[in-house]
């Protein structure tokens, strides 16, 4: 717990000491519990939905159409999960090694990714959520994060390039010319699910 607090304070200082309109502060325990319950539910729903739809696409259509699913439908599915929430939220997947440029991390997500990289280096089984309270000029909001790791089905398209089928490599190169999302092994840290929660809404 102390290590988590130290890391949080370092991240707070790295943001709040720069001249930005928004800055991170510590959420109250009540806020943390409430945001965690929302974020955990939404993140779990998204993971299950993505896994099911991707597995179905591979089983029914094959790997090549499954890549098309990831390109065309994953973001749509992410929006559908967000829109089905009873709360005002925004949902995103982000990573330093993103495939779709729309998943590029913003300044706060960069800090969260670094936090998880540090914690996972110290404990490979680390799985705790992480919450940032972001104070702006008009209102405060929260970013809830949950880690994504590489599963066995992901290796087919996200593994070492030398081990990926050449036809898949060619397709990925065509659809994602600036692809950064290869070179993984099963169990590797892939990135984060980020849930933006606005309690004022």
N, C-alpha and C. Protein backbone atom coordinates (compact mmCIF):
# COMPACT_ATOMS: atom_id res chain seq x y z
N UNK A 1 0.83 -1.21 0.00
CA UNK A 1 0.00 0.00 0.00
C UNK A 1 0.86 1.26 0.00
N UNK A 2 1.97 1.25 0.82
CA UNK A 2 2.83 2.44 0.87
C UNK A 2 3.46 2.70 -0.48
N UNK A 3 3.85 1.62 -1.17
CA UNK A 3 4.45 1.78 -2.49
C UNK A 3 3.48 2.43 -3.45
N UNK A 4 2.19 2.05 -3.36
CA UNK A 4 1.18 2.63 -4.23
C UNK A 4 1.03 4.12 -3.97
N UNK A 5 1.08 4.50 -2.69
CA UNK A 5 0.93 5.91 -2.32
C UNK A 5 2.11 6.72 -2.86
N UNK A 6 3.33 6.18 -2.73
CA UNK A 6 4.51 6.88 -3.22
C UNK A 6 4.42 7.10 -4.72
N UNK A 7 4.04 6.04 -5.44
CA UNK A 7 3.91 6.15 -6.89
C UNK A 7 2.86 7.18 -7.25
N UNK A 8 1.72 7.17 -6.54
CA UNK A 8 0.66 8.13 -6.82
C UNK A 8 1.15 9.56 -6.64
N UNK A 9 1.90 9.81 -5.54
CA UNK A 9 2.38 11.17 -5.27
C UNK A 9 3.36 11.62 -6.35
N UNK A 10 4.20 10.71 -6.81
CA UNK A 10 5.13 11.06 -7.89
C UNK A 10 4.37 11.44 -9.14
N UNK A 11 3.31 10.68 -9.46
CA UNK A 11 2.52 10.97 -10.64
C UNK A 11 1.77 12.28 -10.50
N UNK A 12 1.25 12.56 -9.30
CA UNK A 12 0.55 13.82 -9.07
C UNK A 12 1.50 15.00 -9.29
N UNK A 13 2.68 14.91 -8.71
CA UNK A 13 3.63 16.01 -8.84
C UNK A 13 4.06 16.21 -10.29
N UNK A 14 4.20 15.11 -11.02
CA UNK A 14 4.66 15.22 -12.40
C UNK A 14 3.65 15.92 -13.28
N UNK A 15 2.36 15.91 -12.87
CA UNK A 15 1.33 16.60 -13.64
C UNK A 15 1.05 17.97 -13.08
N UNK A 16 0.84 18.05 -11.76
CA UNK A 16 0.37 19.31 -11.16
C UNK A 16 1.45 20.39 -11.16
N UNK A 17 2.73 20.01 -11.36
CA UNK A 17 3.78 21.02 -11.38
C UNK A 17 4.01 21.60 -12.76
N UNK A 18 3.22 21.17 -13.72
CA UNK A 18 3.33 21.72 -15.07
C UNK A 18 2.15 22.64 -15.32
N UNK A 19 2.31 23.68 -16.16
CA UNK A 19 1.24 24.65 -16.39
C UNK A 19 0.15 24.09 -17.31
N UNK A 20 -0.78 23.33 -16.75
CA UNK A 20 -1.86 22.75 -17.52
C UNK A 20 -3.19 23.21 -16.93
N UNK A 21 -4.24 23.12 -17.75
CA UNK A 21 -5.56 23.49 -17.26
C UNK A 21 -6.10 22.47 -16.28
N UNK A 22 -5.73 21.21 -16.46
CA UNK A 22 -6.21 20.13 -15.60
C UNK A 22 -5.06 19.57 -14.78
N UNK A 23 -5.36 19.06 -13.60
CA UNK A 23 -4.33 18.41 -12.80
C UNK A 23 -4.96 17.30 -11.97
N UNK A 24 -4.11 16.35 -11.55
CA UNK A 24 -4.57 15.19 -10.80
C UNK A 24 -4.50 15.48 -9.32
N UNK A 25 -5.53 15.05 -8.61
CA UNK A 25 -5.54 15.15 -7.16
C UNK A 25 -6.04 13.82 -6.59
N UNK A 26 -5.98 13.68 -5.28
CA UNK A 26 -6.36 12.42 -4.63
C UNK A 26 -7.87 12.34 -4.44
N UNK A 27 -8.52 11.28 -4.94
CA UNK A 27 -9.96 11.12 -4.70
C UNK A 27 -10.21 10.74 -3.24
N UNK A 28 -11.39 11.09 -2.73
CA UNK A 28 -11.76 10.67 -1.39
C UNK A 28 -12.02 9.16 -1.41
N UNK A 29 -12.08 8.56 -0.24
CA UNK A 29 -12.34 7.12 -0.17
C UNK A 29 -13.72 6.79 -0.72
N UNK A 30 -14.71 7.65 -0.45
CA UNK A 30 -16.06 7.45 -0.98
C UNK A 30 -16.06 7.52 -2.50
N UNK A 31 -15.36 8.52 -3.05
CA UNK A 31 -15.26 8.65 -4.51
C UNK A 31 -14.56 7.43 -5.11
N UNK A 32 -13.49 6.99 -4.46
CA UNK A 32 -12.72 5.86 -4.95
C UNK A 32 -13.58 4.59 -5.04
N UNK A 33 -14.33 4.34 -3.98
CA UNK A 33 -15.17 3.13 -3.94
C UNK A 33 -16.25 3.19 -5.01
N UNK A 34 -16.86 4.37 -5.18
CA UNK A 34 -17.95 4.51 -6.14
C UNK A 34 -17.43 4.38 -7.58
N UNK A 35 -16.34 5.07 -7.88
CA UNK A 35 -15.77 5.02 -9.22
C UNK A 35 -15.24 3.62 -9.52
N UNK A 36 -14.66 2.98 -8.52
CA UNK A 36 -14.14 1.62 -8.71
C UNK A 36 -15.25 0.65 -9.07
N UNK A 37 -16.41 0.80 -8.42
CA UNK A 37 -17.52 -0.11 -8.71
C UNK A 37 -18.03 0.07 -10.13
N UNK A 38 -18.08 1.31 -10.59
CA UNK A 38 -18.52 1.59 -11.96
C UNK A 38 -17.46 1.10 -12.96
N UNK A 39 -16.23 1.48 -12.72
CA UNK A 39 -15.15 1.13 -13.64
C UNK A 39 -14.95 -0.36 -13.77
N UNK A 40 -15.00 -1.08 -12.66
CA UNK A 40 -14.81 -2.53 -12.69
C UNK A 40 -15.91 -3.20 -13.50
N UNK A 41 -17.14 -2.78 -13.29
CA UNK A 41 -18.27 -3.37 -14.01
C UNK A 41 -18.15 -3.12 -15.51
N UNK A 42 -17.84 -1.88 -15.90
CA UNK A 42 -17.74 -1.53 -17.31
C UNK A 42 -16.56 -2.23 -17.96
N UNK A 43 -15.41 -2.25 -17.29
CA UNK A 43 -14.21 -2.88 -17.85
C UNK A 43 -14.42 -4.37 -18.06
N UNK A 44 -15.05 -5.02 -17.08
CA UNK A 44 -15.32 -6.45 -17.20
C UNK A 44 -16.27 -6.73 -18.35
N UNK A 45 -17.30 -5.90 -18.50
CA UNK A 45 -18.25 -6.06 -19.60
C UNK A 45 -17.55 -5.93 -20.95
N UNK A 46 -16.64 -4.95 -21.06
CA UNK A 46 -15.94 -4.75 -22.32
C UNK A 46 -15.02 -5.93 -22.63
N UNK A 47 -14.28 -6.40 -21.64
CA UNK A 47 -13.39 -7.54 -21.86
C UNK A 47 -14.17 -8.76 -22.36
N UNK A 48 -15.27 -9.06 -21.69
CA UNK A 48 -16.08 -10.22 -22.07
C UNK A 48 -16.66 -10.06 -23.47
N UNK A 49 -17.13 -8.86 -23.78
CA UNK A 49 -17.73 -8.61 -25.09
C UNK A 49 -16.69 -8.74 -26.20
N UNK A 50 -15.50 -8.19 -25.99
CA UNK A 50 -14.44 -8.27 -27.00
C UNK A 50 -13.97 -9.71 -27.19
N UNK A 51 -13.79 -10.43 -26.09
CA UNK A 51 -13.35 -11.81 -26.17
C UNK A 51 -14.36 -12.68 -26.91
N UNK A 52 -15.64 -12.52 -26.57
CA UNK A 52 -16.67 -13.33 -27.19
C UNK A 52 -16.78 -13.04 -28.69
N UNK A 53 -16.84 -11.76 -29.03
CA UNK A 53 -17.01 -11.40 -30.43
C UNK A 53 -15.79 -11.77 -31.28
N UNK A 54 -14.60 -11.62 -30.72
CA UNK A 54 -13.40 -12.00 -31.45
C UNK A 54 -13.33 -13.51 -31.63
N UNK A 55 -13.62 -14.25 -30.56
CA UNK A 55 -13.61 -15.72 -30.64
C UNK A 55 -14.64 -16.21 -31.64
N UNK A 56 -15.81 -15.60 -31.65
CA UNK A 56 -16.86 -15.99 -32.61
C UNK A 56 -16.42 -15.69 -34.04
N UNK A 57 -15.77 -14.53 -34.23
CA UNK A 57 -15.31 -14.16 -35.58
C UNK A 57 -14.27 -15.15 -36.09
N UNK A 58 -13.34 -15.56 -35.22
CA UNK A 58 -12.31 -16.52 -35.61
C UNK A 58 -12.93 -17.88 -35.91
N UNK A 59 -13.83 -18.31 -35.04
CA UNK A 59 -14.46 -19.63 -35.19
C UNK A 59 -15.32 -19.71 -36.44
N UNK A 60 -16.11 -18.67 -36.71
CA UNK A 60 -17.08 -18.72 -37.80
C UNK A 60 -16.54 -18.25 -39.14
N UNK A 61 -15.52 -17.38 -39.11
CA UNK A 61 -15.06 -16.78 -40.36
C UNK A 61 -13.57 -16.97 -40.65
N UNK A 62 -12.79 -17.22 -39.60
CA UNK A 62 -11.35 -17.39 -39.79
C UNK A 62 -10.57 -16.18 -39.33
N UNK A 63 -9.25 -16.27 -39.37
CA UNK A 63 -8.38 -15.23 -38.82
C UNK A 63 -8.44 -13.91 -39.59
N UNK A 64 -8.45 -13.99 -40.92
CA UNK A 64 -8.42 -12.76 -41.71
C UNK A 64 -9.66 -11.90 -41.44
N UNK A 65 -10.89 -12.47 -41.49
CA UNK A 65 -12.06 -11.67 -41.13
C UNK A 65 -12.03 -11.18 -39.68
N UNK A 66 -11.37 -11.95 -38.81
CA UNK A 66 -11.27 -11.53 -37.41
C UNK A 66 -10.45 -10.26 -37.28
N UNK A 67 -9.44 -10.11 -38.12
CA UNK A 67 -8.65 -8.87 -38.12
C UNK A 67 -9.52 -7.70 -38.56
N UNK A 68 -10.37 -7.97 -39.53
CA UNK A 68 -11.30 -6.93 -39.98
C UNK A 68 -12.25 -6.55 -38.85
N UNK A 69 -12.67 -7.57 -38.06
CA UNK A 69 -13.52 -7.29 -36.89
C UNK A 69 -12.81 -6.32 -35.94
N UNK A 70 -11.55 -6.60 -35.66
CA UNK A 70 -10.80 -5.74 -34.75
C UNK A 70 -10.72 -4.30 -35.27
N UNK A 71 -10.56 -4.16 -36.57
CA UNK A 71 -10.42 -2.83 -37.15
C UNK A 71 -11.75 -2.08 -37.17
N UNK A 72 -12.82 -2.77 -37.58
CA UNK A 72 -14.10 -2.11 -37.81
C UNK A 72 -15.02 -2.13 -36.59
N UNK A 73 -14.99 -3.22 -35.83
CA UNK A 73 -16.03 -3.42 -34.81
C UNK A 73 -15.59 -3.19 -33.37
N UNK A 74 -14.29 -3.30 -33.09
CA UNK A 74 -13.85 -3.19 -31.70
C UNK A 74 -14.19 -1.84 -31.09
N UNK A 75 -13.96 -0.76 -31.85
CA UNK A 75 -14.29 0.58 -31.34
C UNK A 75 -15.80 0.76 -31.23
N UNK A 76 -16.53 0.19 -32.19
CA UNK A 76 -18.00 0.27 -32.13
C UNK A 76 -18.52 -0.46 -30.90
N UNK A 77 -17.96 -1.63 -30.64
CA UNK A 77 -18.36 -2.42 -29.48
C UNK A 77 -18.02 -1.69 -28.18
N UNK A 78 -16.88 -1.03 -28.18
CA UNK A 78 -16.48 -0.24 -27.01
C UNK A 78 -17.50 0.86 -26.73
N UNK A 79 -17.94 1.55 -27.78
CA UNK A 79 -18.95 2.61 -27.62
C UNK A 79 -20.29 2.04 -27.15
N UNK A 80 -20.65 0.86 -27.65
CA UNK A 80 -21.92 0.24 -27.26
C UNK A 80 -21.91 -0.09 -25.77
N UNK A 81 -20.81 -0.63 -25.27
CA UNK A 81 -20.71 -0.95 -23.84
C UNK A 81 -20.82 0.33 -23.01
N UNK A 82 -20.18 1.40 -23.46
CA UNK A 82 -20.25 2.68 -22.74
C UNK A 82 -21.67 3.22 -22.75
N UNK A 83 -22.35 3.15 -23.89
CA UNK A 83 -23.70 3.70 -24.01
C UNK A 83 -24.73 2.92 -23.22
N UNK A 84 -24.43 1.66 -22.91
CA UNK A 84 -25.36 0.84 -22.14
C UNK A 84 -25.22 1.04 -20.64
N UNK A 85 -24.25 1.86 -20.24
CA UNK A 85 -24.06 2.12 -18.82
C UNK A 85 -25.15 3.06 -18.29
N UNK A 86 -25.48 2.88 -17.02
CA UNK A 86 -26.46 3.77 -16.39
C UNK A 86 -25.83 5.11 -16.01
N UNK A 87 -24.50 5.21 -16.16
CA UNK A 87 -23.80 6.42 -15.77
C UNK A 87 -23.20 7.11 -17.00
N UNK A 88 -22.86 8.38 -16.83
CA UNK A 88 -22.22 9.16 -17.88
C UNK A 88 -20.74 8.78 -17.91
N UNK A 89 -20.35 7.99 -18.91
CA UNK A 89 -18.97 7.54 -18.98
C UNK A 89 -18.44 7.65 -20.41
N UNK A 90 -17.13 7.59 -20.53
CA UNK A 90 -16.46 7.43 -21.81
C UNK A 90 -15.48 6.27 -21.65
N UNK A 91 -15.38 5.43 -22.67
CA UNK A 91 -14.61 4.20 -22.56
C UNK A 91 -13.56 4.15 -23.66
N UNK A 92 -12.37 3.71 -23.29
CA UNK A 92 -11.27 3.68 -24.25
C UNK A 92 -10.28 2.58 -23.87
N UNK A 93 -9.65 1.98 -24.89
CA UNK A 93 -8.49 1.12 -24.69
C UNK A 93 -7.25 1.89 -25.15
N UNK A 94 -6.18 1.82 -24.38
CA UNK A 94 -5.00 2.59 -24.74
C UNK A 94 -3.73 1.81 -24.40
N UNK A 95 -2.65 2.14 -25.09
CA UNK A 95 -1.39 1.43 -24.92
C UNK A 95 -0.27 2.27 -25.51
N UNK A 96 0.97 2.05 -25.03
CA UNK A 96 2.12 2.66 -25.69
C UNK A 96 2.34 2.01 -27.06
N UNK A 97 2.01 0.72 -27.15
CA UNK A 97 2.19 -0.03 -28.40
C UNK A 97 0.82 -0.22 -29.06
N UNK A 98 0.23 0.88 -29.48
CA UNK A 98 -1.11 0.82 -30.05
C UNK A 98 -1.07 0.40 -31.51
N UNK A 99 -2.17 -0.15 -31.95
CA UNK A 99 -2.33 -0.52 -33.36
C UNK A 99 -3.17 0.53 -34.07
N UNK A 100 -4.28 0.89 -33.46
CA UNK A 100 -5.16 1.92 -34.01
C UNK A 100 -4.77 3.28 -33.40
N UNK A 101 -4.45 4.28 -34.22
CA UNK A 101 -4.04 5.58 -33.68
C UNK A 101 -5.08 6.21 -32.75
N UNK A 102 -6.35 5.80 -32.86
CA UNK A 102 -7.37 6.34 -31.97
C UNK A 102 -7.13 5.92 -30.52
N UNK A 103 -6.30 4.91 -30.31
CA UNK A 103 -6.00 4.43 -28.97
C UNK A 103 -4.72 5.04 -28.40
N UNK A 104 -4.19 6.05 -29.06
CA UNK A 104 -3.00 6.74 -28.55
C UNK A 104 -3.28 7.32 -27.17
N UNK A 105 -2.39 7.11 -26.19
CA UNK A 105 -2.65 7.62 -24.84
C UNK A 105 -2.51 9.13 -24.74
N UNK A 106 -3.39 9.75 -23.95
CA UNK A 106 -3.23 11.17 -23.65
C UNK A 106 -2.29 11.33 -22.46
N UNK A 107 -2.08 12.57 -22.00
CA UNK A 107 -1.09 12.82 -20.96
C UNK A 107 -1.38 12.09 -19.65
N UNK A 108 -2.65 11.95 -19.29
CA UNK A 108 -3.00 11.27 -18.05
C UNK A 108 -2.88 9.76 -18.21
N UNK A 109 -3.24 9.26 -19.38
CA UNK A 109 -3.13 7.83 -19.65
C UNK A 109 -1.67 7.39 -19.71
N UNK A 110 -0.79 8.27 -20.18
CA UNK A 110 0.64 7.98 -20.18
C UNK A 110 1.12 7.73 -18.75
N UNK A 111 0.68 8.56 -17.82
CA UNK A 111 1.07 8.38 -16.42
C UNK A 111 0.55 7.07 -15.86
N UNK A 112 -0.68 6.70 -16.22
CA UNK A 112 -1.26 5.45 -15.75
C UNK A 112 -0.51 4.25 -16.33
N UNK A 113 -0.16 4.32 -17.60
CA UNK A 113 0.60 3.23 -18.23
C UNK A 113 1.96 3.06 -17.54
N UNK A 114 2.60 4.17 -17.24
CA UNK A 114 3.89 4.09 -16.54
C UNK A 114 3.73 3.52 -15.14
N UNK A 115 2.63 3.89 -14.48
CA UNK A 115 2.33 3.35 -13.15
C UNK A 115 2.23 1.83 -13.21
N UNK A 116 1.46 1.32 -14.17
CA UNK A 116 1.28 -0.13 -14.28
C UNK A 116 2.58 -0.83 -14.67
N UNK A 117 3.34 -0.22 -15.55
CA UNK A 117 4.62 -0.83 -15.91
C UNK A 117 5.52 -0.98 -14.69
N UNK A 118 5.55 0.03 -13.85
CA UNK A 118 6.36 -0.01 -12.64
C UNK A 118 5.85 -1.08 -11.66
N UNK A 119 4.54 -1.09 -11.44
CA UNK A 119 3.98 -2.02 -10.48
C UNK A 119 4.12 -3.47 -10.96
N UNK A 120 3.94 -3.70 -12.26
CA UNK A 120 4.07 -5.05 -12.81
C UNK A 120 5.51 -5.52 -12.83
N UNK A 121 6.45 -4.58 -12.91
CA UNK A 121 7.86 -4.94 -12.83
C UNK A 121 8.18 -5.45 -11.43
N UNK A 122 7.56 -4.84 -10.42
CA UNK A 122 7.78 -5.25 -9.04
C UNK A 122 6.99 -6.50 -8.69
N UNK A 123 5.80 -6.65 -9.29
CA UNK A 123 4.94 -7.80 -9.02
C UNK A 123 4.20 -8.17 -10.30
N UNK A 124 4.65 -9.21 -11.02
CA UNK A 124 4.02 -9.59 -12.29
C UNK A 124 2.55 -9.95 -12.17
N UNK A 125 2.09 -10.26 -10.96
CA UNK A 125 0.69 -10.60 -10.75
C UNK A 125 -0.16 -9.41 -10.32
N UNK A 126 0.43 -8.23 -10.30
CA UNK A 126 -0.30 -7.03 -9.89
C UNK A 126 -1.53 -6.83 -10.78
N UNK A 127 -2.69 -6.67 -10.16
CA UNK A 127 -3.93 -6.55 -10.94
C UNK A 127 -4.89 -5.50 -10.39
N UNK A 128 -4.40 -4.65 -9.49
CA UNK A 128 -5.27 -3.65 -8.89
C UNK A 128 -5.68 -2.60 -9.92
N UNK A 129 -6.85 -2.02 -9.70
CA UNK A 129 -7.28 -0.89 -10.52
C UNK A 129 -6.54 0.37 -10.06
N UNK A 130 -6.63 1.40 -10.87
CA UNK A 130 -5.98 2.67 -10.55
C UNK A 130 -6.94 3.79 -10.92
N UNK A 131 -7.06 4.80 -10.06
CA UNK A 131 -8.01 5.89 -10.29
C UNK A 131 -7.30 7.24 -10.18
N UNK A 132 -7.53 8.08 -11.16
CA UNK A 132 -7.07 9.47 -11.12
C UNK A 132 -8.29 10.38 -10.98
N UNK A 133 -8.23 11.33 -10.05
CA UNK A 133 -9.23 12.39 -10.00
C UNK A 133 -8.63 13.61 -10.69
N UNK A 134 -9.27 14.06 -11.75
CA UNK A 134 -8.73 15.14 -12.55
C UNK A 134 -9.59 16.39 -12.36
N UNK A 135 -8.99 17.42 -11.86
CA UNK A 135 -9.70 18.67 -11.58
C UNK A 135 -9.47 19.65 -12.71
N UNK A 136 -10.55 20.12 -13.30
CA UNK A 136 -10.47 21.12 -14.36
C UNK A 136 -11.07 22.44 -13.91
N UNK A 137 -11.10 23.41 -14.79
CA UNK A 137 -11.66 24.72 -14.47
C UNK A 137 -13.16 24.64 -14.20
N UNK A 138 -13.85 23.79 -14.94
CA UNK A 138 -15.31 23.73 -14.86
C UNK A 138 -15.81 22.65 -13.92
N UNK A 139 -15.18 21.45 -13.95
CA UNK A 139 -15.67 20.33 -13.16
C UNK A 139 -14.57 19.30 -12.99
N UNK A 140 -14.78 18.40 -12.06
CA UNK A 140 -13.85 17.29 -11.85
C UNK A 140 -14.41 16.03 -12.50
N UNK A 141 -13.52 15.14 -12.88
CA UNK A 141 -13.94 13.84 -13.38
C UNK A 141 -12.87 12.83 -12.99
N UNK A 142 -13.15 11.56 -13.24
CA UNK A 142 -12.27 10.49 -12.81
C UNK A 142 -11.89 9.61 -13.99
N UNK A 143 -10.66 9.13 -13.97
CA UNK A 143 -10.21 8.11 -14.89
C UNK A 143 -9.97 6.83 -14.08
N UNK A 144 -10.70 5.79 -14.44
CA UNK A 144 -10.51 4.46 -13.84
C UNK A 144 -9.74 3.62 -14.85
N UNK A 145 -8.74 2.87 -14.37
CA UNK A 145 -7.94 2.04 -15.25
C UNK A 145 -7.93 0.58 -14.79
N UNK A 146 -7.95 -0.32 -15.76
CA UNK A 146 -7.79 -1.75 -15.51
C UNK A 146 -6.85 -2.30 -16.57
N UNK A 147 -5.92 -3.16 -16.16
CA UNK A 147 -4.90 -3.67 -17.07
C UNK A 147 -5.46 -4.68 -18.06
N UNK A 148 -4.90 -4.67 -19.27
CA UNK A 148 -5.16 -5.68 -20.29
C UNK A 148 -3.88 -6.47 -20.50
N UNK A 149 -4.00 -7.80 -20.51
CA UNK A 149 -2.85 -8.64 -20.77
C UNK A 149 -3.10 -9.50 -22.01
N UNK A 150 -2.03 -9.95 -22.61
CA UNK A 150 -2.11 -10.74 -23.83
C UNK A 150 -2.59 -12.16 -23.53
N UNK A 151 -3.69 -12.56 -24.16
CA UNK A 151 -4.20 -13.92 -24.03
C UNK A 151 -3.71 -14.78 -25.19
N UNK A 152 -3.99 -16.07 -25.11
CA UNK A 152 -3.51 -16.99 -26.14
C UNK A 152 -4.03 -16.64 -27.52
N UNK A 153 -5.29 -16.19 -27.62
CA UNK A 153 -5.86 -15.85 -28.92
C UNK A 153 -5.22 -14.60 -29.51
N UNK A 154 -4.65 -13.75 -28.66
CA UNK A 154 -4.06 -12.48 -29.12
C UNK A 154 -2.72 -12.69 -29.83
N UNK A 155 -2.02 -13.77 -29.47
CA UNK A 155 -0.68 -14.00 -30.01
C UNK A 155 -0.69 -14.11 -31.53
N UNK A 156 -1.80 -14.61 -32.08
CA UNK A 156 -1.89 -14.81 -33.52
C UNK A 156 -1.60 -13.51 -34.29
N UNK A 157 -2.03 -12.39 -33.74
CA UNK A 157 -1.85 -11.10 -34.42
C UNK A 157 -0.93 -10.13 -33.67
N UNK A 158 -0.62 -10.45 -32.41
CA UNK A 158 0.18 -9.53 -31.61
C UNK A 158 1.51 -10.12 -31.15
N UNK A 159 1.81 -11.36 -31.59
CA UNK A 159 3.04 -12.02 -31.16
C UNK A 159 4.27 -11.51 -31.90
N UNK A 160 5.35 -12.27 -31.79
CA UNK A 160 6.57 -11.93 -32.52
C UNK A 160 6.30 -12.01 -34.02
N UNK A 161 6.78 -11.02 -34.77
CA UNK A 161 6.52 -10.98 -36.21
C UNK A 161 6.98 -12.25 -36.91
N UNK A 162 8.10 -12.81 -36.48
CA UNK A 162 8.63 -14.01 -37.12
C UNK A 162 7.71 -15.21 -36.95
N UNK A 163 6.82 -15.14 -35.93
CA UNK A 163 5.93 -16.27 -35.65
C UNK A 163 4.51 -16.04 -36.16
N UNK A 164 4.24 -14.88 -36.74
CA UNK A 164 2.92 -14.58 -37.26
C UNK A 164 2.85 -14.99 -38.73
N UNK A 165 1.74 -15.58 -39.13
CA UNK A 165 1.56 -16.00 -40.51
C UNK A 165 1.84 -14.83 -41.47
N UNK A 166 2.65 -15.05 -42.51
CA UNK A 166 3.01 -13.96 -43.44
C UNK A 166 1.81 -13.24 -44.05
N UNK A 167 0.71 -13.98 -44.31
CA UNK A 167 -0.47 -13.34 -44.87
C UNK A 167 -1.10 -12.37 -43.88
N UNK A 168 -1.00 -12.70 -42.60
CA UNK A 168 -1.52 -11.81 -41.55
C UNK A 168 -0.62 -10.60 -41.41
N UNK A 169 0.69 -10.82 -41.46
CA UNK A 169 1.65 -9.70 -41.39
C UNK A 169 1.39 -8.72 -42.53
N UNK A 170 1.15 -9.26 -43.73
CA UNK A 170 0.89 -8.42 -44.90
C UNK A 170 -0.40 -7.62 -44.71
N UNK A 171 -1.44 -8.28 -44.20
CA UNK A 171 -2.72 -7.61 -43.99
C UNK A 171 -2.59 -6.51 -42.93
N UNK A 172 -1.89 -6.82 -41.85
CA UNK A 172 -1.70 -5.82 -40.79
C UNK A 172 -0.92 -4.62 -41.31
N UNK A 173 0.08 -4.89 -42.14
CA UNK A 173 0.88 -3.81 -42.71
C UNK A 173 0.03 -2.91 -43.60
N UNK A 174 -0.91 -3.52 -44.30
CA UNK A 174 -1.79 -2.76 -45.19
C UNK A 174 -2.80 -1.92 -44.41
N UNK A 175 -3.39 -2.51 -43.38
CA UNK A 175 -4.44 -1.83 -42.62
C UNK A 175 -3.89 -0.91 -41.54
N UNK A 176 -2.72 -1.24 -41.01
CA UNK A 176 -2.11 -0.45 -39.93
C UNK A 176 -0.65 -0.17 -40.27
N UNK A 177 -0.38 0.75 -41.17
CA UNK A 177 1.01 1.00 -41.61
C UNK A 177 1.94 1.46 -40.49
N UNK A 178 1.39 2.02 -39.42
CA UNK A 178 2.22 2.47 -38.30
C UNK A 178 2.03 1.58 -37.06
N UNK A 179 1.69 0.31 -37.30
CA UNK A 179 1.40 -0.63 -36.22
C UNK A 179 2.57 -0.75 -35.24
N UNK A 180 2.26 -0.65 -33.95
CA UNK A 180 3.26 -0.81 -32.90
C UNK A 180 2.97 -2.05 -32.04
N UNK A 181 1.88 -2.77 -32.34
CA UNK A 181 1.32 -3.73 -31.40
C UNK A 181 1.71 -5.18 -31.67
N UNK A 182 2.99 -5.43 -31.92
CA UNK A 182 3.48 -6.79 -32.06
C UNK A 182 4.67 -7.00 -31.13
N UNK A 183 5.15 -8.24 -31.08
CA UNK A 183 6.30 -8.55 -30.24
C UNK A 183 5.94 -9.04 -28.85
N UNK A 184 4.67 -9.34 -28.63
CA UNK A 184 4.22 -9.78 -27.31
C UNK A 184 4.33 -11.29 -27.14
N UNK A 185 4.37 -11.71 -25.87
CA UNK A 185 4.22 -13.10 -25.49
C UNK A 185 2.97 -13.21 -24.61
N UNK A 186 2.41 -14.41 -24.53
CA UNK A 186 1.21 -14.60 -23.72
C UNK A 186 1.47 -14.18 -22.27
N UNK A 187 0.54 -13.41 -21.73
CA UNK A 187 0.67 -12.93 -20.36
C UNK A 187 1.30 -11.55 -20.24
N UNK A 188 1.85 -11.02 -21.34
CA UNK A 188 2.46 -9.68 -21.31
C UNK A 188 1.41 -8.60 -21.06
N UNK A 189 1.85 -7.52 -20.45
CA UNK A 189 1.01 -6.33 -20.27
C UNK A 189 0.78 -5.68 -21.63
N UNK A 190 -0.49 -5.58 -22.03
CA UNK A 190 -0.84 -5.05 -23.35
C UNK A 190 -1.16 -3.55 -23.30
N UNK A 191 -1.85 -3.14 -22.24
CA UNK A 191 -2.29 -1.75 -22.13
C UNK A 191 -3.39 -1.64 -21.09
N UNK A 192 -4.26 -0.66 -21.27
CA UNK A 192 -5.27 -0.37 -20.26
C UNK A 192 -6.65 -0.16 -20.86
N UNK A 193 -7.65 -0.54 -20.09
CA UNK A 193 -9.01 -0.06 -20.34
C UNK A 193 -9.17 1.17 -19.46
N UNK A 194 -9.59 2.28 -20.06
CA UNK A 194 -9.78 3.52 -19.30
C UNK A 194 -11.25 3.91 -19.34
N UNK A 195 -11.82 4.11 -18.16
CA UNK A 195 -13.22 4.54 -18.03
C UNK A 195 -13.24 5.95 -17.45
N UNK A 196 -13.77 6.90 -18.20
CA UNK A 196 -13.93 8.26 -17.68
C UNK A 196 -15.30 8.37 -17.03
N UNK A 197 -15.31 8.76 -15.76
CA UNK A 197 -16.56 8.86 -14.99
C UNK A 197 -16.73 10.31 -14.53
N UNK A 198 -17.89 10.90 -14.83
CA UNK A 198 -18.20 12.27 -14.40
C UNK A 198 -19.34 12.21 -13.40
N UNK A 199 -19.02 12.45 -12.14
CA UNK A 199 -20.04 12.33 -11.09
C UNK A 199 -20.99 13.51 -11.09
N UNK A 200 -20.58 14.63 -11.68
CA UNK A 200 -21.46 15.80 -11.68
C UNK A 200 -22.65 15.64 -12.63
N UNK A 201 -22.49 14.72 -13.59
CA UNK A 201 -23.56 14.56 -14.59
C UNK A 201 -24.75 13.83 -13.99
